[in-house]
Amino acid sequence: MKTLHLDAAELDLSFEQSLKLANAAADHLLAKQGGAMLLSFWDNDRGLESPHGVSECHFQCPIPGWQDYASTRGGALMVNFSRGRFVFCYRPVEGDA
């Protein structure tokens, strides 16, 4: 999975603002493949992941559950804000039923 690193610490973006930026970047970068669909995310500020509970079976694993979830479901792009503060994983829309 390719990763887009965005160091936006000085902007102090909220989760919602970061998600909007990540969605726009993913749609742009995956436009030739029909756009982007959000598969998973990590919110380090609140300790939240989506899908909920995917890291339970990844305790002490080198790859977090939310990242593994996206990788095994066609994830092609990870947008990483401020070195892991907020991370969003996307797959191309093309090929969806």
PDB file of N, CA and C in Angstrom:
ATOM      1  N   MET A   1       0.851  -1.163   0.000  1.00  0.00           N
ATOM      2  CA  MET A   1       0.000   0.000   0.000  1.00  0.00           C
ATOM      3  C   MET A   1       0.901   1.232   0.000  1.00  0.00           C
ATOM      4  N   LYS A   2       0.628   2.160  -0.903  1.00  0.00           N
ATOM      5  CA  LYS A   2       1.393   3.409  -0.951  1.00  0.00           C
ATOM      6  C   LYS A   2       0.927   4.320   0.178  1.00  0.00           C
ATOM      7  N   THR A   3       1.861   5.139   0.664  1.00  0.00           N
ATOM      8  CA  THR A   3       1.540   6.038   1.767  1.00  0.00           C
ATOM      9  C   THR A   3       1.835   7.476   1.385  1.00  0.00           C
ATOM     10  N   LEU A   4       0.853   8.343   1.648  1.00  0.00           N
ATOM     11  CA  LEU A   4       1.015   9.779   1.500  1.00  0.00           C
ATOM     12  C   LEU A   4       1.180  10.340   2.912  1.00  0.00           C
ATOM     13  N   HIS A   5       2.360  10.900   3.193  1.00  0.00           N
ATOM     14  CA  HIS A   5       2.646  11.473   4.509  1.00  0.00           C
ATOM     15  C   HIS A   5       2.379  12.972   4.459  1.00  0.00           C
ATOM     16  N   LEU A   6       1.544  13.452   5.354  1.00  0.00           N
ATOM     17  CA  LEU A   6       1.245  14.878   5.453  1.00  0.00           C
ATOM     18  C   LEU A   6       1.607  15.353   6.851  1.00  0.00           C
ATOM     19  N   ASP A   7       2.581  16.230   6.937  1.00  0.00           N
ATOM     20  CA  ASP A   7       2.983  16.771   8.228  1.00  0.00           C
ATOM     21  C   ASP A   7       2.243  18.080   8.431  1.00  0.00           C
ATOM     22  N   ALA A   8       1.129  17.991   9.136  1.00  0.00           N
ATOM     23  CA  ALA A   8       0.268  19.160   9.311  1.00  0.00           C
ATOM     24  C   ALA A   8       0.164  19.566  10.775  1.00  0.00           C
ATOM     25  N   ALA A   9       1.159  19.233  11.563  1.00  0.00           N
ATOM     26  CA  ALA A   9       1.110  19.510  13.002  1.00  0.00           C
ATOM     27  C   ALA A   9       0.896  21.000  13.301  1.00  0.00           C
ATOM     28  N   GLU A  10       1.541  21.865  12.543  1.00  0.00           N
ATOM     29  CA  GLU A  10       1.427  23.301  12.812  1.00  0.00           C
ATOM     30  C   GLU A  10       0.024  23.835  12.500  1.00  0.00           C
ATOM     31  N   LEU A  11      -0.763  23.082  11.713  1.00  0.00           N
ATOM     32  CA  LEU A  11      -2.129  23.504  11.397  1.00  0.00           C
ATOM     33  C   LEU A  11      -3.127  23.070  12.465  1.00  0.00           C
ATOM     34  N   ASP A  12      -2.742  22.114  13.308  1.00  0.00           N
ATOM     35  CA  ASP A  12      -3.591  21.593  14.382  1.00  0.00           C
ATOM     36  C   ASP A  12      -4.988  21.230  13.872  1.00  0.00           C
ATOM     37  N   LEU A  13      -5.019  20.411  12.824  1.00  0.00           N
ATOM     38  CA  LEU A  13      -6.286  19.995  12.232  1.00  0.00           C
ATOM     39  C   LEU A  13      -7.005  19.000  13.133  1.00  0.00           C
ATOM     40  N   SER A  14      -8.325  19.086  13.145  1.00  0.00           N
ATOM     41  CA  SER A  14      -9.133  18.119  13.874  1.00  0.00           C
ATOM     42  C   SER A  14      -9.230  16.823  13.063  1.00  0.00           C
ATOM     43  N   PHE A  15      -9.783  15.796  13.677  1.00  0.00           N
ATOM     44  CA  PHE A  15     -10.003  14.546  12.956  1.00  0.00           C
ATOM     45  C   PHE A  15     -10.871  14.790  11.724  1.00  0.00           C
ATOM     46  N   GLU A  16     -11.969  15.521  11.887  1.00  0.00           N
ATOM     47  CA  GLU A  16     -12.897  15.777  10.789  1.00  0.00           C
ATOM     48  C   GLU A  16     -12.233  16.563   9.655  1.00  0.00           C
ATOM     49  N   GLN A  17     -11.430  17.563   9.994  1.00  0.00           N
ATOM     50  CA  GLN A  17     -10.721  18.336   8.978  1.00  0.00           C
ATOM     51  C   GLN A  17      -9.701  17.462   8.247  1.00  0.00           C
ATOM     52  N   SER A  18      -9.004  16.619   8.997  1.00  0.00           N
ATOM     53  CA  SER A  18      -8.027  15.710   8.392  1.00  0.00           C
ATOM     54  C   SER A  18      -8.715  14.703   7.480  1.00  0.00           C
ATOM     55  N   LEU A  19      -9.868  14.202   7.901  1.00  0.00           N
ATOM     56  CA  LEU A  19     -10.627  13.258   7.076  1.00  0.00           C
ATOM     57  C   LEU A  19     -11.048  13.904   5.760  1.00  0.00           C
ATOM     58  N   LYS A  20     -11.519  15.133   5.802  1.00  0.00           N
ATOM     59  CA  LYS A  20     -11.911  15.831   4.567  1.00  0.00           C
ATOM     60  C   LYS A  20     -10.721  15.980   3.628  1.00  0.00           C
ATOM     61  N   LEU A  21      -9.578  16.373   4.173  1.00  0.00           N
ATOM     62  CA  LEU A  21      -8.366  16.503   3.353  1.00  0.00           C
ATOM     63  C   LEU A  21      -7.921  15.157   2.796  1.00  0.00           C
ATOM     64  N   ALA A  22      -7.963  14.125   3.631  1.00  0.00           N
ATOM     65  CA  ALA A  22      -7.567  12.779   3.193  1.00  0.00           C
ATOM     66  C   ALA A  22      -8.500  12.271   2.096  1.00  0.00           C
ATOM     67  N   ASN A  23      -9.804  12.498   2.252  1.00  0.00           N
ATOM     68  CA  ASN A  23     -10.766  12.074   1.226  1.00  0.00           C
ATOM     69  C   ASN A  23     -10.485  12.758  -0.107  1.00  0.00           C
ATOM     70  N   ALA A  24     -10.219  14.060  -0.064  1.00  0.00           N
ATOM     71  CA  ALA A  24      -9.933  14.812  -1.292  1.00  0.00           C
ATOM     72  C   ALA A  24      -8.647  14.309  -1.944  1.00  0.00           C
ATOM     73  N   ALA A  25      -7.615  14.082  -1.141  1.00  0.00           N
ATOM     74  CA  ALA A  25      -6.344  13.584  -1.685  1.00  0.00           C
ATOM     75  C   ALA A  25      -6.513  12.196  -2.270  1.00  0.00           C
ATOM     76  N   ALA A  26      -7.222  11.321  -1.577  1.00  0.00           N
ATOM     77  CA  ALA A  26      -7.421   9.951  -2.059  1.00  0.00           C
ATOM     78  C   ALA A  26      -8.255   9.945  -3.342  1.00  0.00           C
ATOM     79  N   ASP A  27      -9.326  10.757  -3.391  1.00  0.00           N
ATOM     80  CA  ASP A  27     -10.132  10.833  -4.614  1.00  0.00           C
ATOM     81  C   ASP A  27      -9.288  11.298  -5.785  1.00  0.00           C
ATOM     82  N   HIS A  28      -8.421  12.277  -5.548  1.00  0.00           N
ATOM     83  CA  HIS A  28      -7.550  12.785  -6.614  1.00  0.00           C
ATOM     84  C   HIS A  28      -6.539  11.722  -7.057  1.00  0.00           C
ATOM     85  N   LEU A  29      -5.880  11.105  -6.091  1.00  0.00           N
ATOM     86  CA  LEU A  29      -4.829  10.144  -6.424  1.00  0.00           C
ATOM     87  C   LEU A  29      -5.367   8.841  -7.009  1.00  0.00           C
ATOM     88  N   LEU A  30      -6.599   8.495  -6.690  1.00  0.00           N
ATOM     89  CA  LEU A  30      -7.195   7.257  -7.216  1.00  0.00           C
ATOM     90  C   LEU A  30      -8.273   7.549  -8.267  1.00  0.00           C
ATOM     91  N   ALA A  31      -8.265   8.757  -8.816  1.00  0.00           N
ATOM     92  CA  ALA A  31      -9.290   9.170  -9.792  1.00  0.00           C
ATOM     93  C   ALA A  31      -9.325   8.267 -11.023  1.00  0.00           C
ATOM     94  N   LYS A  32      -8.177   7.843 -11.500  1.00  0.00           N
ATOM     95  CA  LYS A  32      -8.134   6.987 -12.695  1.00  0.00           C
ATOM     96  C   LYS A  32      -8.734   5.617 -12.436  1.00  0.00           C
ATOM     97  N   GLN A  33      -8.923   5.286 -11.159  1.00  0.00           N
ATOM     98  CA  GLN A  33      -9.499   3.998 -10.782  1.00  0.00           C
ATOM     99  C   GLN A  33     -10.906   4.174 -10.215  1.00  0.00           C
ATOM    100  N   GLY A  34     -11.548   5.284 -10.564  1.00  0.00           N
ATOM    101  CA  GLY A  34     -12.927   5.512 -10.164  1.00  0.00           C
ATOM    102  C   GLY A  34     -13.114   6.256  -8.859  1.00  0.00           C
ATOM    103  N   GLY A  35     -12.044   6.724  -8.252  1.00  0.00           N
ATOM    104  CA  GLY A  35     -12.139   7.423  -6.973  1.00  0.00           C
ATOM    105  C   GLY A  35     -11.721   6.524  -5.827  1.00  0.00           C
ATOM    106  N   ALA A  36     -12.041   6.952  -4.614  1.00  0.00           N
ATOM    107  CA  ALA A  36     -11.554   6.250  -3.428  1.00  0.00           C
ATOM    108  C   ALA A  36     -12.694   5.893  -2.483  1.00  0.00           C
ATOM    109  N   MET A  37     -12.531   4.778  -1.805  1.00  0.00           N
ATOM    110  CA  MET A  37     -13.459   4.358  -0.762  1.00  0.00           C
ATOM    111  C   MET A  37     -12.656   4.153   0.522  1.00  0.00           C
ATOM    112  N   LEU A  38     -13.069   4.810   1.593  1.00  0.00           N
ATOM    113  CA  LEU A  38     -12.402   4.672   2.888  1.00  0.00           C
ATOM    114  C   LEU A  38     -12.665   3.274   3.446  1.00  0.00           C
ATOM    115  N   LEU A  39     -11.593   2.568   3.769  1.00  0.00           N
ATOM    116  CA  LEU A  39     -11.710   1.217   4.331  1.00  0.00           C
ATOM    117  C   LEU A  39     -11.526   1.193   5.840  1.00  0.00           C
ATOM    118  N   SER A  40     -10.569   1.962   6.330  1.00  0.00           N
ATOM    119  CA  SER A  40     -10.269   1.938   7.761  1.00  0.00           C
ATOM    120  C   SER A  40      -9.565   3.234   8.152  1.00  0.00           C
ATOM    121  N   PHE A  41      -9.510   3.464   9.478  1.00  0.00           N
ATOM    122  CA  PHE A  41      -8.777   4.623   9.962  1.00  0.00           C
ATOM    123  C   PHE A  41      -8.262   4.370  11.361  1.00  0.00           C
ATOM    124  N   TRP A  42      -7.318   5.216  11.765  1.00  0.00           N
ATOM    125  CA  TRP A  42      -6.785   5.242  13.127  1.00  0.00           C
ATOM    126  C   TRP A  42      -6.778   6.687  13.591  1.00  0.00           C
ATOM    127  N   ASP A  43      -7.362   6.933  14.753  1.00  0.00           N
ATOM    128  CA  ASP A  43      -7.371   8.250  15.392  1.00  0.00           C
ATOM    129  C   ASP A  43      -6.556   8.104  16.674  1.00  0.00           C
ATOM    130  N   ASN A  44      -5.305   8.489  16.632  1.00  0.00           N
ATOM    131  CA  ASN A  44      -4.410   8.323  17.776  1.00  0.00           C
ATOM    132  C   ASN A  44      -4.816   9.208  18.954  1.00  0.00           C
ATOM    133  N   ASP A  45      -5.395  10.386  18.683  1.00  0.00           N
ATOM    134  CA  ASP A  45      -5.803  11.291  19.762  1.00  0.00           C
ATOM    135  C   ASP A  45      -6.806  10.625  20.702  1.00  0.00           C
ATOM    136  N   ARG A  46      -7.741   9.905  20.122  1.00  0.00           N
ATOM    137  CA  ARG A  46      -8.801   9.277  20.919  1.00  0.00           C
ATOM    138  C   ARG A  46      -8.622   7.766  21.084  1.00  0.00           C
ATOM    139  N   GLY A  47      -7.592   7.200  20.451  1.00  0.00           N
ATOM    140  CA  GLY A  47      -7.386   5.758  20.528  1.00  0.00           C
ATOM    141  C   GLY A  47      -8.492   4.976  19.838  1.00  0.00           C
ATOM    142  N   LEU A  48      -9.048   5.549  18.764  1.00  0.00           N
ATOM    143  CA  LEU A  48     -10.149   4.920  18.037  1.00  0.00           C
ATOM    144  C   LEU A  48      -9.675   4.349  16.713  1.00  0.00           C
ATOM    145  N   GLU A  49     -10.226   3.205  16.364  1.00  0.00           N
ATOM    146  CA  GLU A  49      -9.947   2.599  15.067  1.00  0.00           C
ATOM    147  C   GLU A  49     -11.259   2.202  14.416  1.00  0.00           C
ATOM    148  N   SER A  50     -11.227   2.107  13.123  1.00  0.00           N
ATOM    149  CA  SER A  50     -12.364   1.600  12.373  1.00  0.00           C
ATOM    150  C   SER A  50     -11.825   0.691  11.286  1.00  0.00           C
ATOM    151  N   PRO A  51     -12.451  -0.462  11.142  1.00  0.00           N
ATOM    152  CA  PRO A  51     -13.555  -1.010  11.907  1.00  0.00           C
ATOM    153  C   PRO A  51     -13.167  -1.264  13.360  1.00  0.00           C
ATOM    154  N   HIS A  52     -14.145  -1.071  14.232  1.00  0.00           N
ATOM    155  CA  HIS A  52     -13.934  -1.240  15.667  1.00  0.00           C
ATOM    156  C   HIS A  52     -13.507  -2.671  15.986  1.00  0.00           C
ATOM    157  N   GLY A  53     -12.474  -2.800  16.790  1.00  0.00           N
ATOM    158  CA  GLY A  53     -12.051  -4.106  17.291  1.00  0.00           C
ATOM    159  C   GLY A  53     -11.113  -4.897  16.404  1.00  0.00           C
ATOM    160  N   VAL A  54     -10.699  -4.353  15.249  1.00  0.00           N
ATOM    161  CA  VAL A  54      -9.844  -5.141  14.357  1.00  0.00           C
ATOM    162  C   VAL A  54      -8.438  -5.356  14.914  1.00  0.00           C
ATOM    163  N   SER A  55      -8.040  -4.589  15.890  1.00  0.00           N
ATOM    164  CA  SER A  55      -6.706  -4.771  16.467  1.00  0.00           C
ATOM    165  C   SER A  55      -6.689  -5.763  17.634  1.00  0.00           C
ATOM    166  N   GLU A  56      -7.854  -6.209  18.073  1.00  0.00           N
ATOM    167  CA  GLU A  56      -7.907  -7.145  19.194  1.00  0.00           C
ATOM    168  C   GLU A  56      -7.099  -8.405  18.917  1.00  0.00           C
ATOM    169  N   CYS A  57      -7.160  -8.909  17.698  1.00  0.00           N
ATOM    170  CA  CYS A  57      -6.421 -10.131  17.367  1.00  0.00           C
ATOM    171  C   CYS A  57      -5.009  -9.822  16.866  1.00  0.00           C
ATOM    172  N   HIS A  58      -4.619  -8.552  16.885  1.00  0.00           N
ATOM    173  CA  HIS A  58      -3.285  -8.147  16.430  1.00  0.00           C
ATOM    174  C   HIS A  58      -2.419  -7.654  17.581  1.00  0.00           C
ATOM    175  N   PHE A  59      -2.773  -8.028  18.788  1.00  0.00           N
ATOM    176  CA  PHE A  59      -2.014  -7.596  19.958  1.00  0.00           C
ATOM    177  C   PHE A  59      -0.554  -8.001  19.801  1.00  0.00           C
ATOM    178  N   GLN A  60       0.346  -7.049  19.929  1.00  0.00           N
ATOM    179  CA  GLN A  60       1.796  -7.222  19.809  1.00  0.00           C
ATOM    180  C   GLN A  60       2.237  -7.635  18.403  1.00  0.00           C
ATOM    181  N   CYS A  61       1.420  -7.405  17.408  1.00  0.00           N
ATOM    182  CA  CYS A  61       1.802  -7.667  16.017  1.00  0.00           C
ATOM    183  C   CYS A  61       2.443  -6.404  15.441  1.00  0.00           C
ATOM    184  N   PRO A  62       3.341  -6.568  14.474  1.00  0.00           N
ATOM    185  CA  PRO A  62       3.990  -5.386  13.899  1.00  0.00           C
ATOM    186  C   PRO A  62       3.053  -4.537  13.040  1.00  0.00           C
ATOM    187  N   ILE A  63       1.961  -5.116  12.543  1.00  0.00           N
ATOM    188  CA  ILE A  63       1.010  -4.384  11.702  1.00  0.00           C
ATOM    189  C   ILE A  63      -0.290  -4.211  12.481  1.00  0.00           C
ATOM    190  N   PRO A  64      -0.749  -2.961  12.646  1.00  0.00           N
ATOM    191  CA  PRO A  64      -2.006  -2.740  13.364  1.00  0.00           C
ATOM    192  C   PRO A  64      -3.185  -3.370  12.615  1.00  0.00           C
ATOM    193  N   GLY A  65      -4.214  -3.738  13.348  1.00  0.00           N
ATOM    194  CA  GLY A  65      -5.372  -4.393  12.762  1.00  0.00           C
ATOM    195  C   GLY A  65      -6.063  -3.580  11.686  1.00  0.00           C
ATOM    196  N   TRP A  66      -6.197  -2.265  11.900  1.00  0.00           N
ATOM    197  CA  TRP A  66      -6.877  -1.418  10.910  1.00  0.00           C
ATOM    198  C   TRP A  66      -6.095  -1.368   9.599  1.00  0.00           C
ATOM    199  N   GLN A  67      -4.755  -1.443   9.688  1.00  0.00           N
ATOM    200  CA  GLN A  67      -3.931  -1.442   8.475  1.00  0.00           C
ATOM    201  C   GLN A  67      -4.023  -2.804   7.776  1.00  0.00           C
ATOM    202  N   ASP A  68      -3.960  -3.873   8.527  1.00  0.00           N
ATOM    203  CA  ASP A  68      -4.085  -5.210   7.960  1.00  0.00           C
ATOM    204  C   ASP A  68      -5.454  -5.399   7.316  1.00  0.00           C
ATOM    205  N   TYR A  69      -6.491  -4.885   7.961  1.00  0.00           N
ATOM    206  CA  TYR A  69      -7.856  -4.960   7.420  1.00  0.00           C
ATOM    207  C   TYR A  69      -7.899  -4.337   6.028  1.00  0.00           C
ATOM    208  N   ALA A  70      -7.343  -3.139   5.894  1.00  0.00           N
ATOM    209  CA  ALA A  70      -7.345  -2.443   4.603  1.00  0.00           C
ATOM    210  C   ALA A  70      -6.487  -3.182   3.576  1.00  0.00           C
ATOM    211  N   SER A  71      -5.323  -3.655   3.997  1.00  0.00           N
ATOM    212  CA  SER A  71      -4.418  -4.349   3.072  1.00  0.00           C
ATOM    213  C   SER A  71      -5.051  -5.598   2.473  1.00  0.00           C
ATOM    214  N   THR A  72      -5.821  -6.311   3.278  1.00  0.00           N
ATOM    215  CA  THR A  72      -6.426  -7.562   2.794  1.00  0.00           C
ATOM    216  C   THR A  72      -7.739  -7.338   2.061  1.00  0.00           C
ATOM    217  N   ARG A  73      -8.153  -6.085   1.925  1.00  0.00           N
ATOM    218  CA  ARG A  73      -9.391  -5.759   1.227  1.00  0.00           C
ATOM    219  C   ARG A  73      -9.165  -4.794   0.068  1.00  0.00           C
ATOM    220  N   GLY A  74      -7.987  -4.842  -0.499  1.00  0.00           N
ATOM    221  CA  GLY A  74      -7.697  -4.038  -1.681  1.00  0.00           C
ATOM    222  C   GLY A  74      -7.171  -2.653  -1.407  1.00  0.00           C
ATOM    223  N   GLY A  75      -6.751  -2.381  -0.188  1.00  0.00           N
ATOM    224  CA  GLY A  75      -6.221  -1.063   0.140  1.00  0.00           C
ATOM    225  C   GLY A  75      -5.041  -0.707  -0.747  1.00  0.00           C
ATOM    226  N   ALA A  76      -5.079   0.490  -1.289  1.00  0.00           N
ATOM    227  CA  ALA A  76      -4.028   0.933  -2.202  1.00  0.00           C
ATOM    228  C   ALA A  76      -3.332   2.197  -1.726  1.00  0.00           C
ATOM    229  N   LEU A  77      -3.976   2.945  -0.822  1.00  0.00           N
ATOM    230  CA  LEU A  77      -3.433   4.234  -0.391  1.00  0.00           C
ATOM    231  C   LEU A  77      -3.700   4.450   1.093  1.00  0.00           C
ATOM    232  N   MET A  78      -2.649   4.847   1.788  1.00  0.00           N
ATOM    233  CA  MET A  78      -2.750   5.236   3.196  1.00  0.00           C
ATOM    234  C   MET A  78      -2.368   6.712   3.281  1.00  0.00           C
ATOM    235  N   VAL A  79      -3.229   7.518   3.894  1.00  0.00           N
ATOM    236  CA  VAL A  79      -2.942   8.938   4.105  1.00  0.00           C
ATOM    237  C   VAL A  79      -2.643   9.106   5.590  1.00  0.00           C
ATOM    238  N   ASN A  80      -1.399   9.485   5.894  1.00  0.00           N
ATOM    239  CA  ASN A  80      -0.892   9.528   7.262  1.00  0.00           C
ATOM    240  C   ASN A  80      -0.601  10.978   7.649  1.00  0.00           C
ATOM    241  N   PHE A  81      -1.376  11.481   8.612  1.00  0.00           N
ATOM    242  CA  PHE A  81      -1.206  12.849   9.090  1.00  0.00           C
ATOM    243  C   PHE A  81      -0.311  12.876  10.321  1.00  0.00           C
ATOM    244  N   SER A  82       0.654  13.776  10.293  1.00  0.00           N
ATOM    245  CA  SER A  82       1.494  14.073  11.457  1.00  0.00           C
ATOM    246  C   SER A  82       2.042  12.828  12.139  1.00  0.00           C
ATOM    247  N   ARG A  83       2.658  11.975  11.335  1.00  0.00           N
ATOM    248  CA  ARG A  83       3.356  10.773  11.828  1.00  0.00           C
ATOM    249  C   ARG A  83       2.475   9.865  12.677  1.00  0.00           C
ATOM    250  N   GLY A  84       1.284   9.600  12.176  1.00  0.00           N
ATOM    251  CA  GLY A  84       0.413   8.638  12.833  1.00  0.00           C
ATOM    252  C   GLY A  84      -0.668   9.213  13.718  1.00  0.00           C
ATOM    253  N   ARG A  85      -0.796  10.529  13.751  1.00  0.00           N
ATOM    254  CA  ARG A  85      -1.868  11.110  14.570  1.00  0.00           C
ATOM    255  C   ARG A  85      -3.227  10.664  14.040  1.00  0.00           C
ATOM    256  N   PHE A  86      -3.431  10.819  12.721  1.00  0.00           N
ATOM    257  CA  PHE A  86      -4.627  10.313  12.052  1.00  0.00           C
ATOM    258  C   PHE A  86      -4.161   9.576  10.804  1.00  0.00           C
ATOM    259  N   VAL A  87      -4.667   8.381  10.576  1.00  0.00           N
ATOM    260  CA  VAL A  87      -4.289   7.598   9.402  1.00  0.00           C
ATOM    261  C   VAL A  87      -5.568   7.054   8.762  1.00  0.00           C
ATOM    262  N   PHE A  88      -5.656   7.197   7.438  1.00  0.00           N
ATOM    263  CA  PHE A  88      -6.829   6.773   6.682  1.00  0.00           C
ATOM    264  C   PHE A  88      -6.382   5.857   5.541  1.00  0.00           C
ATOM    265  N   CYS A  89      -7.056   4.723   5.366  1.00  0.00           N
ATOM    266  CA  CYS A  89      -6.703   3.756   4.335  1.00  0.00           C
ATOM    267  C   CYS A  89      -7.832   3.654   3.307  1.00  0.00           C
ATOM    268  N   TYR A  90      -7.456   3.672   2.035  1.00  0.00           N
ATOM    269  CA  TYR A  90      -8.432   3.700   0.945  1.00  0.00           C
ATOM    270  C   TYR A  90      -8.151   2.608  -0.088  1.00  0.00           C
ATOM    271  N   ARG A  91      -9.202   2.223  -0.790  1.00  0.00           N
ATOM    272  CA  ARG A  91      -9.078   1.351  -1.943  1.00  0.00           C
ATOM    273  C   ARG A  91      -9.728   2.065  -3.119  1.00  0.00           C
ATOM    274  N   PRO A  92      -9.349   1.700  -4.336  1.00  0.00           N
ATOM    275  CA  PRO A  92     -10.012   2.294  -5.500  1.00  0.00           C
ATOM    276  C   PRO A  92     -11.444   1.805  -5.586  1.00  0.00           C
ATOM    277  N   VAL A  93     -12.333   2.662  -6.081  1.00  0.00           N
ATOM    278  CA  VAL A  93     -13.738   2.304  -6.224  1.00  0.00           C
ATOM    279  C   VAL A  93     -13.953   1.347  -7.388  1.00  0.00           C
ATOM    280  N   GLU A  94     -13.150   1.477  -8.427  1.00  0.00           N
ATOM    281  CA  GLU A  94     -13.293   0.647  -9.633  1.00  0.00           C
ATOM    282  C   GLU A  94     -13.345  -0.828  -9.258  1.00  0.00           C
ATOM    283  N   GLY A  95     -14.286  -1.538  -9.848  1.00  0.00           N
ATOM    284  CA  GLY A  95     -14.410  -2.956  -9.593  1.00  0.00           C
ATOM    285  C   GLY A  95     -15.466  -3.282  -8.556  1.00  0.00           C
ATOM    286  N   ASP A  96     -16.025  -2.251  -7.867  1.00  0.00           N
ATOM    287  CA  ASP A  96     -17.090  -2.509  -6.901  1.00  0.00           C
ATOM    288  C   ASP A  96     -18.363  -2.900  -7.630  1.00  0.00           C
ATOM    289  N   ALA A  97     -19.157  -3.714  -6.990  1.00  0.00           N
ATOM    290  CA  ALA A  97     -20.433  -4.133  -7.582  1.00  0.00           C
ATOM    291  C   ALA A  97     -21.492  -3.095  -7.329  1.00  0.00           C
TER     292      ALA A  97
END
